[in-house]
PDB file of N, CA and C in Angstrom:
ATOM      1  N   MET A   1      34.545   8.953 -19.091  1.00  0.00           N
ATOM      2  CA  MET A   1      33.566   7.328 -19.434  1.00  0.00           C
ATOM      3  C   MET A   1      32.802   7.818 -18.639  1.00  0.00           C
ATOM      4  N   LYS A   2      31.119   8.304 -19.796  1.00  0.00           N
ATOM      5  CA  LYS A   2      30.542   9.213 -19.035  1.00  0.00           C
ATOM      6  C   LYS A   2      29.766   8.597 -17.616  1.00  0.00           C
ATOM      7  N   LYS A   3      28.468   8.400 -17.214  1.00  0.00           N
ATOM      8  CA  LYS A   3      28.394   7.537 -15.773  1.00  0.00           C
ATOM      9  C   LYS A   3      26.419   6.866 -16.277  1.00  0.00           C
ATOM     10  N   PRO A   4      26.047   5.687 -16.983  1.00  0.00           N
ATOM     11  CA  PRO A   4      24.137   5.637 -17.084  1.00  0.00           C
ATOM     12  C   PRO A   4      24.210   6.576 -16.260  1.00  0.00           C
ATOM     13  N   HIS A   5      22.837   6.172 -16.417  1.00  0.00           N
ATOM     14  CA  HIS A   5      22.253   7.627 -15.396  1.00  0.00           C
ATOM     15  C   HIS A   5      21.287   6.611 -15.105  1.00  0.00           C
ATOM     16  N   GLN A   6      21.220   6.902 -13.357  1.00  0.00           N
ATOM     17  CA  GLN A   6      20.357   5.685 -12.280  1.00  0.00           C
ATOM     18  C   GLN A   6      19.112   5.780 -13.135  1.00  0.00           C
ATOM     19  N   SER A   7      18.574   4.864 -12.414  1.00  0.00           N
ATOM     20  CA  SER A   7      17.209   4.706 -13.003  1.00  0.00           C
ATOM     21  C   SER A   7      16.097   3.808 -11.374  1.00  0.00           C
ATOM     22  N   SER A   8      15.065   4.030 -11.387  1.00  0.00           N
ATOM     23  CA  SER A   8      14.351   2.698 -10.293  1.00  0.00           C
ATOM     24  C   SER A   8      13.211   1.951 -11.118  1.00  0.00           C
ATOM     25  N   PRO A   9      12.733   1.529 -11.107  1.00  0.00           N
ATOM     26  CA  PRO A   9      11.940   0.929 -11.693  1.00  0.00           C
ATOM     27  C   PRO A   9      10.674   1.559 -12.354  1.00  0.00           C
ATOM     28  N   LEU A  10      10.551   2.929 -11.692  1.00  0.00           N
ATOM     29  CA  LEU A  10       9.724   4.115 -12.079  1.00  0.00           C
ATOM     30  C   LEU A  10      10.149   4.624 -13.246  1.00  0.00           C
ATOM     31  N   GLY A  11      11.397   5.141 -13.432  1.00  0.00           N
ATOM     32  CA  GLY A  11      11.814   5.181 -14.059  1.00  0.00           C
ATOM     33  C   GLY A  11      12.769   6.416 -13.753  1.00  0.00           C
ATOM     34  N   PRO A  12      13.796   7.604 -14.120  1.00  0.00           N
ATOM     35  CA  PRO A  12      14.648   8.255 -13.513  1.00  0.00           C
ATOM     36  C   PRO A  12      13.917   8.289 -12.113  1.00  0.00           C
ATOM     37  N   VAL A  13      15.358   8.341 -11.553  1.00  0.00           N
ATOM     38  CA  VAL A  13      14.965   8.980  -9.750  1.00  0.00           C
ATOM     39  C   VAL A  13      14.818   9.933  -9.708  1.00  0.00           C
ATOM     40  N   ALA A  14      15.465  11.100 -10.467  1.00  0.00           N
ATOM     41  CA  ALA A  14      14.785  12.787  -9.968  1.00  0.00           C
ATOM     42  C   ALA A  14      12.900  13.050 -10.729  1.00  0.00           C
ATOM     43  N   LYS A  15      12.735  11.862 -11.243  1.00  0.00           N
ATOM     44  CA  LYS A  15      11.458  12.840 -11.826  1.00  0.00           C
ATOM     45  C   LYS A  15      10.248  12.723 -10.923  1.00  0.00           C
ATOM     46  N   SER A  16       8.978  13.259 -10.669  1.00  0.00           N
ATOM     47  CA  SER A  16       7.704  13.343  -9.875  1.00  0.00           C
ATOM     48  C   SER A  16       6.696  12.542 -10.539  1.00  0.00           C
ATOM     49  N   PHE A  17       6.140  11.909  -9.685  1.00  0.00           N
ATOM     50  CA  PHE A  17       4.579  10.690 -10.034  1.00  0.00           C
ATOM     51  C   PHE A  17       3.557  11.250  -9.285  1.00  0.00           C
ATOM     52  N   SER A  18       2.557  10.932  -9.377  1.00  0.00           N
ATOM     53  CA  SER A  18       1.394  10.127  -8.796  1.00  0.00           C
ATOM     54  C   SER A  18       1.768   8.692  -8.760  1.00  0.00           C
ATOM     55  N   LEU A  19       1.265   8.435  -6.884  1.00  0.00           N
ATOM     56  CA  LEU A  19       1.189   6.920  -6.646  1.00  0.00           C
ATOM     57  C   LEU A  19       0.119   6.123  -7.458  1.00  0.00           C
ATOM     58  N   ALA A  20      -1.290   7.337  -7.186  1.00  0.00           N
ATOM     59  CA  ALA A  20      -2.575   7.065  -7.497  1.00  0.00           C
ATOM     60  C   ALA A  20      -2.791   6.317  -8.939  1.00  0.00           C
ATOM     61  N   ASP A  21      -1.800   7.423  -9.812  1.00  0.00           N
ATOM     62  CA  ASP A  21      -1.628   6.759 -10.928  1.00  0.00           C
ATOM     63  C   ASP A  21      -0.863   5.913 -11.400  1.00  0.00           C
ATOM     64  N   LEU A  22      -0.322   5.033 -10.546  1.00  0.00           N
ATOM     65  CA  LEU A  22       1.157   3.929 -10.987  1.00  0.00           C
ATOM     66  C   LEU A  22       0.314   2.939 -10.820  1.00  0.00           C
ATOM     67  N   ILE A  23      -1.248   3.108 -10.636  1.00  0.00           N
ATOM     68  CA  ILE A  23      -2.295   1.211 -10.329  1.00  0.00           C
ATOM     69  C   ILE A  23      -3.549   1.736 -10.485  1.00  0.00           C
ATOM     70  N   ALA A  24      -3.968  -0.044 -11.610  1.00  0.00           N
ATOM     71  CA  ALA A  24      -5.569   0.422 -12.030  1.00  0.00           C
ATOM     72  C   ALA A  24      -6.702  -0.170 -11.095  1.00  0.00           C
ATOM     73  N   TYR A  25      -7.310  -0.538 -11.168  1.00  0.00           N
ATOM     74  CA  TYR A  25      -8.693  -1.251 -10.974  1.00  0.00           C
ATOM     75  C   TYR A  25      -8.736  -1.352 -11.988  1.00  0.00           C
ATOM     76  N   GLN A  26      -9.202  -2.649 -10.899  1.00  0.00           N
ATOM     77  CA  GLN A  26      -9.528  -4.304 -11.896  1.00  0.00           C
ATOM     78  C   GLN A  26     -10.817  -4.443 -11.579  1.00  0.00           C
ATOM     79  N   PRO A  27     -12.234  -5.278 -12.745  1.00  0.00           N
ATOM     80  CA  PRO A  27     -13.173  -5.245 -11.942  1.00  0.00           C
ATOM     81  C   PRO A  27     -13.296  -6.854 -10.708  1.00  0.00           C
ATOM     82  N   ALA A  28     -13.295  -6.822 -10.063  1.00  0.00           N
ATOM     83  CA  ALA A  28     -13.591  -7.777  -8.591  1.00  0.00           C
ATOM     84  C   ALA A  28     -12.390  -8.467  -8.370  1.00  0.00           C
ATOM     85  N   ALA A  29     -11.341  -7.540  -8.205  1.00  0.00           N
ATOM     86  CA  ALA A  29      -9.941  -8.231  -7.864  1.00  0.00           C
ATOM     87  C   ALA A  29      -9.052  -7.046  -6.980  1.00  0.00           C
ATOM     88  N   ILE A  30      -7.985  -7.413  -6.713  1.00  0.00           N
ATOM     89  CA  ILE A  30      -6.659  -6.572  -5.684  1.00  0.00           C
ATOM     90  C   ILE A  30      -6.036  -6.420  -6.868  1.00  0.00           C
ATOM     91  N   VAL A  31      -5.734  -5.574  -7.086  1.00  0.00           N
ATOM     92  CA  VAL A  31      -4.206  -5.493  -7.801  1.00  0.00           C
ATOM     93  C   VAL A  31      -2.822  -4.800  -7.073  1.00  0.00           C
ATOM     94  N   SER A  32      -1.808  -5.499  -7.026  1.00  0.00           N
ATOM     95  CA  SER A  32      -0.998  -4.645  -6.397  1.00  0.00           C
ATOM     96  C   SER A  32       0.689  -4.108  -7.570  1.00  0.00           C
ATOM     97  N   ARG A  33       1.237  -3.420  -7.364  1.00  0.00           N
ATOM     98  CA  ARG A  33       2.365  -3.779  -7.550  1.00  0.00           C
ATOM     99  C   ARG A  33       3.808  -2.779  -6.964  1.00  0.00           C
ATOM    100  N   GLU A  34       4.534  -3.501  -6.783  1.00  0.00           N
ATOM    101  CA  GLU A  34       5.865  -2.980  -5.411  1.00  0.00           C
ATOM    102  C   GLU A  34       6.592  -2.335  -6.190  1.00  0.00           C
ATOM    103  N   ILE A  35       6.620  -1.498  -5.457  1.00  0.00           N
ATOM    104  CA  ILE A  35       7.568   0.334  -6.644  1.00  0.00           C
ATOM    105  C   ILE A  35       8.760   0.172  -6.084  1.00  0.00           C
ATOM    106  N   LEU A  36       9.298  -0.406  -4.333  1.00  0.00           N
ATOM    107  CA  LEU A  36      10.317  -0.091  -4.367  1.00  0.00           C
ATOM    108  C   LEU A  36      10.737  -1.775  -2.765  1.00  0.00           C
ATOM    109  N   LYS A  37      11.683  -1.740  -3.580  1.00  0.00           N
ATOM    110  CA  LYS A  37      12.269  -3.132  -2.986  1.00  0.00           C
ATOM    111  C   LYS A  37      13.700  -3.259  -1.703  1.00  0.00           C
ATOM    112  N   THR A  38      14.158  -3.548  -0.902  1.00  0.00           N
ATOM    113  CA  THR A  38      15.027  -2.966  -0.464  1.00  0.00           C
ATOM    114  C   THR A  38      15.385  -3.810   1.339  1.00  0.00           C
ATOM    115  N   LYS A  39      16.846  -4.069   2.096  1.00  0.00           N
ATOM    116  CA  LYS A  39      16.614  -4.946   2.509  1.00  0.00           C
ATOM    117  C   LYS A  39      16.165  -4.264   3.957  1.00  0.00           C
ATOM    118  N   ALA A  40      14.904  -3.143   4.290  1.00  0.00           N
ATOM    119  CA  ALA A  40      15.292  -2.212   5.212  1.00  0.00           C
ATOM    120  C   ALA A  40      13.112  -2.633   5.175  1.00  0.00           C
ATOM    121  N   GLY A  41      13.254  -2.167   3.605  1.00  0.00           N
ATOM    122  CA  GLY A  41      11.435  -2.370   3.652  1.00  0.00           C
ATOM    123  C   GLY A  41      11.487  -2.809   2.579  1.00  0.00           C
ATOM    124  N   SER A  42       9.797  -2.251   2.088  1.00  0.00           N
ATOM    125  CA  SER A  42       9.290  -2.279   0.996  1.00  0.00           C
ATOM    126  C   SER A  42       8.180  -1.763   1.087  1.00  0.00           C
ATOM    127  N   VAL A  43       7.855  -0.747  -0.266  1.00  0.00           N
ATOM    128  CA  VAL A  43       7.107  -0.056  -1.086  1.00  0.00           C
ATOM    129  C   VAL A  43       6.067  -0.538  -1.671  1.00  0.00           C
ATOM    130  N   THR A  44       4.587  -1.188  -1.401  1.00  0.00           N
ATOM    131  CA  THR A  44       3.763  -1.462  -2.434  1.00  0.00           C
ATOM    132  C   THR A  44       2.259  -0.628  -2.896  1.00  0.00           C
ATOM    133  N   LEU A  45       1.594  -1.036  -3.994  1.00  0.00           N
ATOM    134  CA  LEU A  45       0.972  -0.053  -4.409  1.00  0.00           C
ATOM    135  C   LEU A  45      -0.240  -1.176  -4.675  1.00  0.00           C
ATOM    136  N   PHE A  46      -2.535  -0.707  -4.040  1.00  0.00           N
ATOM    137  CA  PHE A  46      -2.321  -1.310  -3.723  1.00  0.00           C
ATOM    138  C   PHE A  46      -4.288  -0.917  -4.768  1.00  0.00           C
ATOM    139  N   ALA A  47      -4.529  -1.719  -5.283  1.00  0.00           N
ATOM    140  CA  ALA A  47      -6.101  -1.502  -5.583  1.00  0.00           C
ATOM    141  C   ALA A  47      -6.880  -2.229  -5.564  1.00  0.00           C
ATOM    142  N   PHE A  48      -7.583  -1.773  -4.845  1.00  0.00           N
ATOM    143  CA  PHE A  48      -9.062  -3.107  -4.152  1.00  0.00           C
ATOM    144  C   PHE A  48     -10.249  -2.405  -5.508  1.00  0.00           C
ATOM    145  N   ALA A  49     -10.486  -3.709  -5.671  1.00  0.00           N
ATOM    146  CA  ALA A  49     -11.919  -3.205  -6.432  1.00  0.00           C
ATOM    147  C   ALA A  49     -13.261  -3.579  -5.143  1.00  0.00           C
ATOM    148  N   LEU A  50     -14.465  -3.116  -5.040  1.00  0.00           N
ATOM    149  CA  LEU A  50     -15.528  -2.916  -4.390  1.00  0.00           C
ATOM    150  C   LEU A  50     -15.643  -4.564  -3.997  1.00  0.00           C
ATOM    151  N   GLY A  51     -15.753  -5.033  -2.481  1.00  0.00           N
ATOM    152  CA  GLY A  51     -15.779  -5.702  -1.947  1.00  0.00           C
ATOM    153  C   GLY A  51     -15.220  -6.885  -1.955  1.00  0.00           C
ATOM    154  N   GLN A  52     -13.272  -6.009  -1.638  1.00  0.00           N
ATOM    155  CA  GLN A  52     -11.873  -6.731  -1.792  1.00  0.00           C
ATOM    156  C   GLN A  52     -11.583  -6.810  -0.875  1.00  0.00           C
ATOM    157  N   GLY A  53     -10.866  -8.318  -0.423  1.00  0.00           N
ATOM    158  CA  GLY A  53      -9.946  -7.982   1.263  1.00  0.00           C
ATOM    159  C   GLY A  53      -9.057  -8.509   0.919  1.00  0.00           C
ATOM    160  N   LEU A  54      -8.830  -8.022   3.017  1.00  0.00           N
ATOM    161  CA  LEU A  54      -7.403  -9.085   2.812  1.00  0.00           C
ATOM    162  C   LEU A  54      -8.242  -9.512   4.036  1.00  0.00           C
ATOM    163  N   SER A  55      -8.097 -10.781   4.286  1.00  0.00           N
ATOM    164  CA  SER A  55      -8.526 -11.081   5.737  1.00  0.00           C
ATOM    165  C   SER A  55      -7.634 -11.090   7.128  1.00  0.00           C
ATOM    166  N   GLU A  56      -7.908 -11.572   8.123  1.00  0.00           N
ATOM    167  CA  GLU A  56      -6.610 -11.280   9.250  1.00  0.00           C
ATOM    168  C   GLU A  56      -5.149 -12.049   8.830  1.00  0.00           C
ATOM    169  N   HIS A  57      -4.706 -11.387   9.031  1.00  0.00           N
ATOM    170  CA  HIS A  57      -3.140 -11.731   9.331  1.00  0.00           C
ATOM    171  C   HIS A  57      -2.170 -10.936  10.679  1.00  0.00           C
ATOM    172  N   THR A  58      -1.242 -11.419  10.837  1.00  0.00           N
ATOM    173  CA  THR A  58       0.120 -11.258  10.747  1.00  0.00           C
ATOM    174  C   THR A  58       1.358 -10.827  10.616  1.00  0.00           C
ATOM    175  N   ALA A  59       1.770  -9.559  11.010  1.00  0.00           N
ATOM    176  CA  ALA A  59       3.024  -9.083   9.707  1.00  0.00           C
ATOM    177  C   ALA A  59       3.976  -9.186  10.893  1.00  0.00           C
ATOM    178  N   PRO A  60       5.084  -9.701  11.066  1.00  0.00           N
ATOM    179  CA  PRO A  60       6.345  -9.990  11.186  1.00  0.00           C
ATOM    180  C   PRO A  60       6.764  -8.557  12.060  1.00  0.00           C
ATOM    181  N   PHE A  61       6.219  -7.511  11.044  1.00  0.00           N
ATOM    182  CA  PHE A  61       6.991  -5.800  10.656  1.00  0.00           C
ATOM    183  C   PHE A  61       6.183  -5.039  10.345  1.00  0.00           C
ATOM    184  N   ASP A  62       6.731  -4.006  11.148  1.00  0.00           N
ATOM    185  CA  ASP A  62       5.670  -2.298  11.074  1.00  0.00           C
ATOM    186  C   ASP A  62       4.598  -2.708  10.037  1.00  0.00           C
ATOM    187  N   ALA A  63       4.120  -1.924   9.731  1.00  0.00           N
ATOM    188  CA  ALA A  63       3.014  -1.707   8.083  1.00  0.00           C
ATOM    189  C   ALA A  63       2.582  -0.426   8.115  1.00  0.00           C
ATOM    190  N   LEU A  64       3.063   0.762   7.573  1.00  0.00           N
ATOM    191  CA  LEU A  64       1.823   1.912   7.312  1.00  0.00           C
ATOM    192  C   LEU A  64       1.342   2.310   5.944  1.00  0.00           C
ATOM    193  N   VAL A  65       0.194   2.276   6.462  1.00  0.00           N
ATOM    194  CA  VAL A  65      -0.580   2.236   4.974  1.00  0.00           C
ATOM    195  C   VAL A  65      -1.138   3.351   4.809  1.00  0.00           C
ATOM    196  N   GLN A  66      -1.185   4.409   3.474  1.00  0.00           N
ATOM    197  CA  GLN A  66      -1.757   5.673   3.395  1.00  0.00           C
ATOM    198  C   GLN A  66      -2.524   5.381   1.877  1.00  0.00           C
ATOM    199  N   VAL A  67      -3.684   5.463   2.080  1.00  0.00           N
ATOM    200  CA  VAL A  67      -4.752   5.642   1.741  1.00  0.00           C
ATOM    201  C   VAL A  67      -4.926   6.358   0.699  1.00  0.00           C
ATOM    202  N   LEU A  68      -4.823   6.363  -0.577  1.00  0.00           N
ATOM    203  CA  LEU A  68      -4.405   7.330  -1.498  1.00  0.00           C
ATOM    204  C   LEU A  68      -5.835   8.039  -2.784  1.00  0.00           C
ATOM    205  N   ASP A  69      -6.813   7.037  -2.481  1.00  0.00           N
ATOM    206  CA  ASP A  69      -8.325   7.180  -3.444  1.00  0.00           C
ATOM    207  C   ASP A  69      -8.480   6.261  -2.319  1.00  0.00           C
ATOM    208  N   GLY A  70     -10.333   6.977  -2.526  1.00  0.00           N
ATOM    209  CA  GLY A  70     -11.768   6.396  -1.619  1.00  0.00           C
ATOM    210  C   GLY A  70     -11.060   6.638  -0.173  1.00  0.00           C
ATOM    211  N   ALA A  71     -11.432   5.117   0.360  1.00  0.00           N
ATOM    212  CA  ALA A  71     -11.535   4.971   1.482  1.00  0.00           C
ATOM    213  C   ALA A  71     -11.703   3.044   1.934  1.00  0.00           C
ATOM    214  N   ALA A  72     -11.430   2.700   3.089  1.00  0.00           N
ATOM    215  CA  ALA A  72     -10.888   1.591   3.369  1.00  0.00           C
ATOM    216  C   ALA A  72     -11.167   1.384   5.157  1.00  0.00           C
ATOM    217  N   GLU A  73     -11.810  -0.032   4.887  1.00  0.00           N
ATOM    218  CA  GLU A  73     -12.027  -0.533   6.212  1.00  0.00           C
ATOM    219  C   GLU A  73     -11.129  -1.577   7.169  1.00  0.00           C
ATOM    220  N   ILE A  74     -10.056  -1.258   8.254  1.00  0.00           N
ATOM    221  CA  ILE A  74      -8.835  -1.877   8.104  1.00  0.00           C
ATOM    222  C   ILE A  74      -9.377  -1.472  10.082  1.00  0.00           C
ATOM    223  N   THR A  75      -9.158  -3.328   9.824  1.00  0.00           N
ATOM    224  CA  THR A  75      -9.222  -3.895  11.512  1.00  0.00           C
ATOM    225  C   THR A  75      -8.157  -4.350  11.846  1.00  0.00           C
ATOM    226  N   ILE A  76      -7.520  -3.651  13.071  1.00  0.00           N
ATOM    227  CA  ILE A  76      -6.612  -3.510  13.557  1.00  0.00           C
ATOM    228  C   ILE A  76      -6.547  -4.622  15.142  1.00  0.00           C
ATOM    229  N   ALA A  77      -6.300  -5.482  15.346  1.00  0.00           N
ATOM    230  CA  ALA A  77      -6.491  -6.205  16.894  1.00  0.00           C
ATOM    231  C   ALA A  77      -7.686  -5.959  17.396  1.00  0.00           C
ATOM    232  N   GLY A  78      -8.603  -6.733  16.645  1.00  0.00           N
ATOM    233  CA  GLY A  78      -9.845  -6.045  16.909  1.00  0.00           C
ATOM    234  C   GLY A  78     -10.526  -4.571  16.758  1.00  0.00           C
ATOM    235  N   LYS A  79     -10.356  -3.479  16.173  1.00  0.00           N
ATOM    236  CA  LYS A  79     -11.131  -2.173  15.996  1.00  0.00           C
ATOM    237  C   LYS A  79     -10.875  -1.984  14.832  1.00  0.00           C
ATOM    238  N   ARG A  80     -12.168  -1.801  14.575  1.00  0.00           N
ATOM    239  CA  ARG A  80     -12.911  -0.791  13.302  1.00  0.00           C
ATOM    240  C   ARG A  80     -12.098   0.157  12.860  1.00  0.00           C
ATOM    241  N   HIS A  81     -11.444   1.220  11.805  1.00  0.00           N
ATOM    242  CA  HIS A  81     -11.135   2.093  11.609  1.00  0.00           C
ATOM    243  C   HIS A  81     -11.264   2.489  10.215  1.00  0.00           C
ATOM    244  N   ARG A  82     -12.065   3.395   9.743  1.00  0.00           N
ATOM    245  CA  ARG A  82     -12.163   4.110   8.658  1.00  0.00           C
ATOM    246  C   ARG A  82     -11.142   5.256   8.436  1.00  0.00           C
ATOM    247  N   VAL A  83     -10.437   4.568   6.805  1.00  0.00           N
ATOM    248  CA  VAL A  83      -9.518   5.520   6.803  1.00  0.00           C
ATOM    249  C   VAL A  83      -9.938   5.632   5.000  1.00  0.00           C
ATOM    250  N   ARG A  84      -9.601   7.313   4.917  1.00  0.00           N
ATOM    251  CA  ARG A  84      -9.841   7.938   3.555  1.00  0.00           C
ATOM    252  C   ARG A  84      -8.810   8.119   2.672  1.00  0.00           C
ATOM    253  N   ALA A  85      -8.777   9.336   1.335  1.00  0.00           N
ATOM    254  CA  ALA A  85      -7.843   9.570   0.745  1.00  0.00           C
ATOM    255  C   ALA A  85      -7.324  10.261   1.760  1.00  0.00           C
ATOM    256  N   GLY A  86      -5.812  10.498   1.415  1.00  0.00           N
ATOM    257  CA  GLY A  86      -5.182  11.167   2.638  1.00  0.00           C
ATOM    258  C   GLY A  86      -4.666  10.568   3.887  1.00  0.00           C
ATOM    259  N   GLU A  87      -5.073  10.140   4.450  1.00  0.00           N
ATOM    260  CA  GLU A  87      -4.972   9.551   5.929  1.00  0.00           C
ATOM    261  C   GLU A  87      -4.013   8.207   5.415  1.00  0.00           C
ATOM    262  N   SER A  88      -3.406   8.049   6.604  1.00  0.00           N
ATOM    263  CA  SER A  88      -2.760   7.364   6.990  1.00  0.00           C
ATOM    264  C   SER A  88      -3.043   6.666   8.534  1.00  0.00           C
ATOM    265  N   ILE A  89      -2.360   5.055   8.618  1.00  0.00           N
ATOM    266  CA  ILE A  89      -2.556   3.925   9.850  1.00  0.00           C
ATOM    267  C   ILE A  89      -1.398   3.123   9.404  1.00  0.00           C
ATOM    268  N   LEU A  90      -1.023   2.811  11.415  1.00  0.00           N
ATOM    269  CA  LEU A  90       0.695   2.125  11.988  1.00  0.00           C
ATOM    270  C   LEU A  90      -0.422   0.958  11.836  1.00  0.00           C
ATOM    271  N   MET A  91      -0.258   0.310  11.255  1.00  0.00           N
ATOM    272  CA  MET A  91      -0.249  -2.015  11.853  1.00  0.00           C
ATOM    273  C   MET A  91       0.381  -1.721  12.097  1.00  0.00           C
ATOM    274  N   PRO A  92       0.944  -2.259  13.528  1.00  0.00           N
ATOM    275  CA  PRO A  92       2.178  -2.417  14.495  1.00  0.00           C
ATOM    276  C   PRO A  92       2.108  -4.235  14.282  1.00  0.00           C
ATOM    277  N   ALA A  93       3.818  -4.009  14.247  1.00  0.00           N
ATOM    278  CA  ALA A  93       4.261  -5.931  13.915  1.00  0.00           C
ATOM    279  C   ALA A  93       3.042  -6.510  15.027  1.00  0.00           C
ATOM    280  N   GLY A  94       2.669  -8.266  14.952  1.00  0.00           N
ATOM    281  CA  GLY A  94       2.113  -8.930  16.097  1.00  0.00           C
ATOM    282  C   GLY A  94       1.124  -8.990  15.171  1.00  0.00           C
ATOM    283  N   LYS A  95       0.986  -7.396  15.313  1.00  0.00           N
ATOM    284  CA  LYS A  95      -1.312  -7.385  15.680  1.00  0.00           C
ATOM    285  C   LYS A  95      -2.372  -7.746  14.147  1.00  0.00           C
ATOM    286  N   PRO A  96      -2.694  -8.549  14.709  1.00  0.00           N
ATOM    287  CA  PRO A  96      -3.680  -9.358  13.633  1.00  0.00           C
ATOM    288  C   PRO A  96      -4.429  -8.069  13.089  1.00  0.00           C
ATOM    289  N   HIS A  97      -4.822  -7.829  11.165  1.00  0.00           N
ATOM    290  CA  HIS A  97      -5.054  -6.902  11.234  1.00  0.00           C
ATOM    291  C   HIS A  97      -5.652  -7.264   9.929  1.00  0.00           C
ATOM    292  N   ALA A  98      -6.922  -6.899   9.241  1.00  0.00           N
ATOM    293  CA  ALA A  98      -6.926  -6.829   8.018  1.00  0.00           C
ATOM    294  C   ALA A  98      -7.616  -5.646   7.199  1.00  0.00           C
ATOM    295  N   LEU A  99      -8.317  -6.204   6.078  1.00  0.00           N
ATOM    296  CA  LEU A  99      -8.910  -4.398   5.439  1.00  0.00           C
ATOM    297  C   LEU A  99     -10.082  -5.588   4.743  1.00  0.00           C
ATOM    298  N   GLN A 100     -10.548  -4.624   4.624  1.00  0.00           N
ATOM    299  CA  GLN A 100     -11.888  -4.375   3.117  1.00  0.00           C
ATOM    300  C   GLN A 100     -12.529  -3.711   2.774  1.00  0.00           C
ATOM    301  N   ALA A 101     -12.531  -3.571   1.460  1.00  0.00           N
ATOM    302  CA  ALA A 101     -13.275  -2.315   0.383  1.00  0.00           C
ATOM    303  C   ALA A 101     -14.050  -2.212   0.840  1.00  0.00           C
ATOM    304  N   ARG A 102     -15.138  -1.853   1.165  1.00  0.00           N
ATOM    305  CA  ARG A 102     -16.788  -0.790   1.233  1.00  0.00           C
ATOM    306  C   ARG A 102     -16.739  -0.405   0.527  1.00  0.00           C
ATOM    307  N   GLU A 103     -15.645   0.534  -0.192  1.00  0.00           N
ATOM    308  CA  GLU A 103     -16.111   1.083  -1.824  1.00  0.00           C
ATOM    309  C   GLU A 103     -14.696   1.119  -2.434  1.00  0.00           C
ATOM    310  N   ARG A 104     -14.830   1.274  -3.734  1.00  0.00           N
ATOM    311  CA  ARG A 104     -12.518   0.594  -3.777  1.00  0.00           C
ATOM    312  C   ARG A 104     -11.863   1.887  -3.703  1.00  0.00           C
ATOM    313  N   PHE A 105     -10.327   1.081  -3.352  1.00  0.00           N
ATOM    314  CA  PHE A 105      -9.809   1.939  -3.106  1.00  0.00           C
ATOM    315  C   PHE A 105      -8.310   1.833  -2.832  1.00  0.00           C
ATOM    316  N   LYS A 106      -7.496   2.560  -3.437  1.00  0.00           N
ATOM    317  CA  LYS A 106      -6.159   2.570  -3.548  1.00  0.00           C
ATOM    318  C   LYS A 106      -4.875   3.343  -1.690  1.00  0.00           C
ATOM    319  N   MET A 107      -4.065   2.235  -2.375  1.00  0.00           N
ATOM    320  CA  MET A 107      -3.538   2.521  -0.927  1.00  0.00           C
ATOM    321  C   MET A 107      -2.005   2.354  -1.415  1.00  0.00           C
ATOM    322  N   MET A 108      -1.267   2.767  -0.429  1.00  0.00           N
ATOM    323  CA  MET A 108       0.279   2.649  -0.460  1.00  0.00           C
ATOM    324  C   MET A 108       0.561   1.556   0.988  1.00  0.00           C
ATOM    325  N   LEU A 109       1.422   0.465   0.697  1.00  0.00           N
ATOM    326  CA  LEU A 109       1.820   0.250   1.152  1.00  0.00           C
ATOM    327  C   LEU A 109       3.697  -0.003   2.009  1.00  0.00           C
ATOM    328  N   THR A 110       3.695   0.681   2.662  1.00  0.00           N
ATOM    329  CA  THR A 110       5.044   0.730   3.318  1.00  0.00           C
ATOM    330  C   THR A 110       5.952  -0.110   4.460  1.00  0.00           C
ATOM    331  N   LEU A 111       6.377  -1.605   4.698  1.00  0.00           N
ATOM    332  CA  LEU A 111       6.448  -2.109   4.797  1.00  0.00           C
ATOM    333  C   LEU A 111       8.269  -2.593   5.430  1.00  0.00           C
ATOM    334  N   LEU A 112       8.044  -2.078   7.263  1.00  0.00           N
ATOM    335  CA  LEU A 112       9.907  -1.709   8.010  1.00  0.00           C
ATOM    336  C   LEU A 112      10.184  -2.880   8.433  1.00  0.00           C
ATOM    337  N   ARG A 113      11.372  -3.030   7.779  1.00  0.00           N
ATOM    338  CA  ARG A 113      11.837  -4.339   8.277  1.00  0.00           C
ATOM    339  C   ARG A 113      13.193  -3.942   9.578  1.00  0.00           C
ATOM    340  N   ALA A 114      13.485  -2.923   9.390  1.00  0.00           N
ATOM    341  CA  ALA A 114      14.719  -2.505  10.637  1.00  0.00           C
ATOM    342  C   ALA A 114      14.616  -1.401  11.205  1.00  0.00           C
TER     343      ALA A 114
END
């Protein structure tokens, strides 16, 4: 008996894809799409329209932001960082952080629970 082909929510496991193409900008909105979730963590894509953001908050887990398109202003523990496409920044667990779209941007957020 033939085994069924394994796949993820994105399709076949061995297929390459562009992360930035998996999510689209919407006017005056923040769009999110979870692409992977396990007990160890999750990977979520976000598209922020110009002027959108997330207010300051904390998370109990480390989070890695990878900017896929545009640029983001990310504040961590009171220090502002400008992160551009192709760059990443670690937001440590328990440290207050916020994000602001001074221009529209797309990012991938990886939460590490373990």
